[in-house]
Amino acid sequence: MKQVERDLLILLHEDRYSEQQIQYAVKQISDMLTMVETMEYLCNVMEVADCNKNRVTSKRSVLQRAFSRKEHKAFEFIVHKN
């Protein structure tokens, strides 16, 4: 997996944590975000509900099209399965 450069804002008390503990926490958070930002993960946890076609699907191609549209279609919703 390639490293991703990102800005994270983490608020905590400096006197409670050492620099090593802070760096470890930041690495863990970055690793978690890298895992959940993949299309495979999104296909597992999200689905597209298209009220125009009376269809609910979690196919990768349909999700990619829904995410990449500049203007959203009317009555098409991206829904988290949770």
C-alpha atoms as a PDB file:
ATOM      1  CA  MET A   1       0.000   0.000   0.000  1.00  0.00           C
ATOM      2  CA  LYS A   2       1.459   3.393  -0.898  1.00  0.00           C
ATOM      3  CA  GLN A   3       1.877   6.132   1.659  1.00  0.00           C
ATOM      4  CA  VAL A   4      -0.628   8.963   1.450  1.00  0.00           C
ATOM      5  CA  GLU A   5       0.250  12.514   2.385  1.00  0.00           C
ATOM      6  CA  ARG A   6      -2.584  14.006   4.404  1.00  0.00           C
ATOM      7  CA  ASP A   7      -3.117  16.690   6.978  1.00  0.00           C
ATOM      8  CA  LEU A   8      -4.553  15.494  10.271  1.00  0.00           C
ATOM      9  CA  LEU A   9      -5.635  17.722  13.121  1.00  0.00           C
ATOM     10  CA  ILE A  10      -5.484  15.870  16.416  1.00  0.00           C
ATOM     11  CA  LEU A  11      -6.250  17.676  19.641  1.00  0.00           C
ATOM     12  CA  LEU A  12      -4.787  16.295  22.843  1.00  0.00           C
ATOM     13  CA  HIS A  13      -3.000  17.355  26.002  1.00  0.00           C
ATOM     14  CA  GLU A  14       0.733  17.579  25.383  1.00  0.00           C
ATOM     15  CA  ASP A  15       1.732  16.720  28.917  1.00  0.00           C
ATOM     16  CA  ARG A  16      -0.130  13.389  28.874  1.00  0.00           C
ATOM     17  CA  TYR A  17       1.570  11.854  25.831  1.00  0.00           C
ATOM     18  CA  SER A  18       5.152  11.490  24.707  1.00  0.00           C
ATOM     19  CA  GLU A  19       6.209  12.334  21.164  1.00  0.00           C
ATOM     20  CA  GLN A  20       6.479   8.624  20.343  1.00  0.00           C
ATOM     21  CA  GLN A  21       2.924   7.958  21.539  1.00  0.00           C
ATOM     22  CA  ILE A  22       1.628  10.829  19.420  1.00  0.00           C
ATOM     23  CA  GLN A  23       3.462   9.607  16.314  1.00  0.00           C
ATOM     24  CA  TYR A  24       2.149   6.075  16.876  1.00  0.00           C
ATOM     25  CA  ALA A  25      -1.447   7.341  17.201  1.00  0.00           C
ATOM     26  CA  VAL A  26      -1.114   9.434  14.030  1.00  0.00           C
ATOM     27  CA  LYS A  27       0.248   6.420  12.127  1.00  0.00           C
ATOM     28  CA  GLN A  28      -2.658   4.244  13.319  1.00  0.00           C
ATOM     29  CA  ILE A  29      -5.230   6.846  12.272  1.00  0.00           C
ATOM     30  CA  SER A  30      -3.577   7.275   8.879  1.00  0.00           C
ATOM     31  CA  ASP A  31      -3.517   3.487   8.351  1.00  0.00           C
ATOM     32  CA  MET A  32      -7.225   3.214   9.211  1.00  0.00           C
ATOM     33  CA  LEU A  33      -8.121   6.011   6.793  1.00  0.00           C
ATOM     34  CA  THR A  34      -6.042   4.443   4.029  1.00  0.00           C
ATOM     35  CA  MET A  35      -7.938   1.170   4.463  1.00  0.00           C
ATOM     36  CA  VAL A  36     -11.438   2.678   4.355  1.00  0.00           C
ATOM     37  CA  GLU A  37     -10.768   5.041   1.454  1.00  0.00           C
ATOM     38  CA  THR A  38     -10.480   2.248  -1.123  1.00  0.00           C
ATOM     39  CA  MET A  39     -13.194   1.517  -3.675  1.00  0.00           C
ATOM     40  CA  GLU A  40     -13.362  -2.132  -2.557  1.00  0.00           C
ATOM     41  CA  TYR A  41     -14.245  -1.069   0.971  1.00  0.00           C
ATOM     42  CA  LEU A  42     -16.804   1.466  -0.262  1.00  0.00           C
ATOM     43  CA  CYS A  43     -18.455  -1.219  -2.413  1.00  0.00           C
ATOM     44  CA  ASN A  44     -18.837  -3.401   0.660  1.00  0.00           C
ATOM     45  CA  VAL A  45     -20.383  -0.741   2.890  1.00  0.00           C
ATOM     46  CA  MET A  46     -22.358   1.465   0.469  1.00  0.00           C
ATOM     47  CA  GLU A  47     -25.055   1.009  -2.127  1.00  0.00           C
ATOM     48  CA  VAL A  48     -26.883   3.117  -4.685  1.00  0.00           C
ATOM     49  CA  ALA A  49     -30.652   3.382  -4.349  1.00  0.00           C
ATOM     50  CA  ASP A  50     -32.121   4.478  -7.689  1.00  0.00           C
ATOM     51  CA  CYS A  51     -35.779   5.386  -7.172  1.00  0.00           C
ATOM     52  CA  ASN A  52     -36.231   6.015 -10.914  1.00  0.00           C
ATOM     53  CA  LYS A  53     -35.449   2.368 -11.746  1.00  0.00           C
ATOM     54  CA  ASN A  54     -36.671   0.876  -8.437  1.00  0.00           C
ATOM     55  CA  ARG A  55     -33.255  -0.693  -7.923  1.00  0.00           C
ATOM     56  CA  VAL A  56     -30.746  -0.932  -5.099  1.00  0.00           C
ATOM     57  CA  THR A  57     -27.254  -2.120  -6.002  1.00  0.00           C
ATOM     58  CA  SER A  58     -23.733  -2.170  -4.637  1.00  0.00           C
ATOM     59  CA  LYS A  59     -22.015  -2.972  -7.944  1.00  0.00           C
ATOM     60  CA  ARG A  60     -18.643  -1.323  -8.272  1.00  0.00           C
ATOM     61  CA  SER A  61     -19.351   0.229 -11.682  1.00  0.00           C
ATOM     62  CA  VAL A  62     -22.617   1.810 -10.524  1.00  0.00           C
ATOM     63  CA  LEU A  63     -20.991   3.203  -7.380  1.00  0.00           C
ATOM     64  CA  GLN A  64     -18.055   4.639  -9.336  1.00  0.00           C
ATOM     65  CA  ARG A  65     -20.411   6.376 -11.747  1.00  0.00           C
ATOM     66  CA  ALA A  66     -22.462   7.781  -8.864  1.00  0.00           C
ATOM     67  CA  PHE A  67     -19.349   9.094  -7.103  1.00  0.00           C
ATOM     68  CA  SER A  68     -17.816  10.591 -10.240  1.00  0.00           C
ATOM     69  CA  ARG A  69     -20.849  12.541 -11.475  1.00  0.00           C
ATOM     70  CA  LYS A  70     -20.531  16.298 -11.353  1.00  0.00           C
ATOM     71  CA  GLU A  71     -24.301  16.705 -11.132  1.00  0.00           C
ATOM     72  CA  HIS A  72     -26.287  14.129  -9.234  1.00  0.00           C
ATOM     73  CA  LYS A  73     -29.272  12.393 -10.762  1.00  0.00           C
ATOM     74  CA  ALA A  74     -32.658  13.123  -9.263  1.00  0.00           C
ATOM     75  CA  PHE A  75     -33.868  10.459  -6.817  1.00  0.00           C
ATOM     76  CA  GLU A  76     -30.615   8.528  -6.862  1.00  0.00           C
ATOM     77  CA  PHE A  77     -29.121   8.136  -3.405  1.00  0.00           C
ATOM     78  CA  ILE A  78     -25.814   6.787  -2.128  1.00  0.00           C
ATOM     79  CA  VAL A  79     -26.672   4.988   1.071  1.00  0.00           C
ATOM     80  CA  HIS A  80     -24.486   3.519   3.785  1.00  0.00           C
ATOM     81  CA  LYS A  81     -25.613  -0.035   4.568  1.00  0.00           C
ATOM     82  CA  ASN A  82     -25.249   0.532   8.296  1.00  0.00           C
END
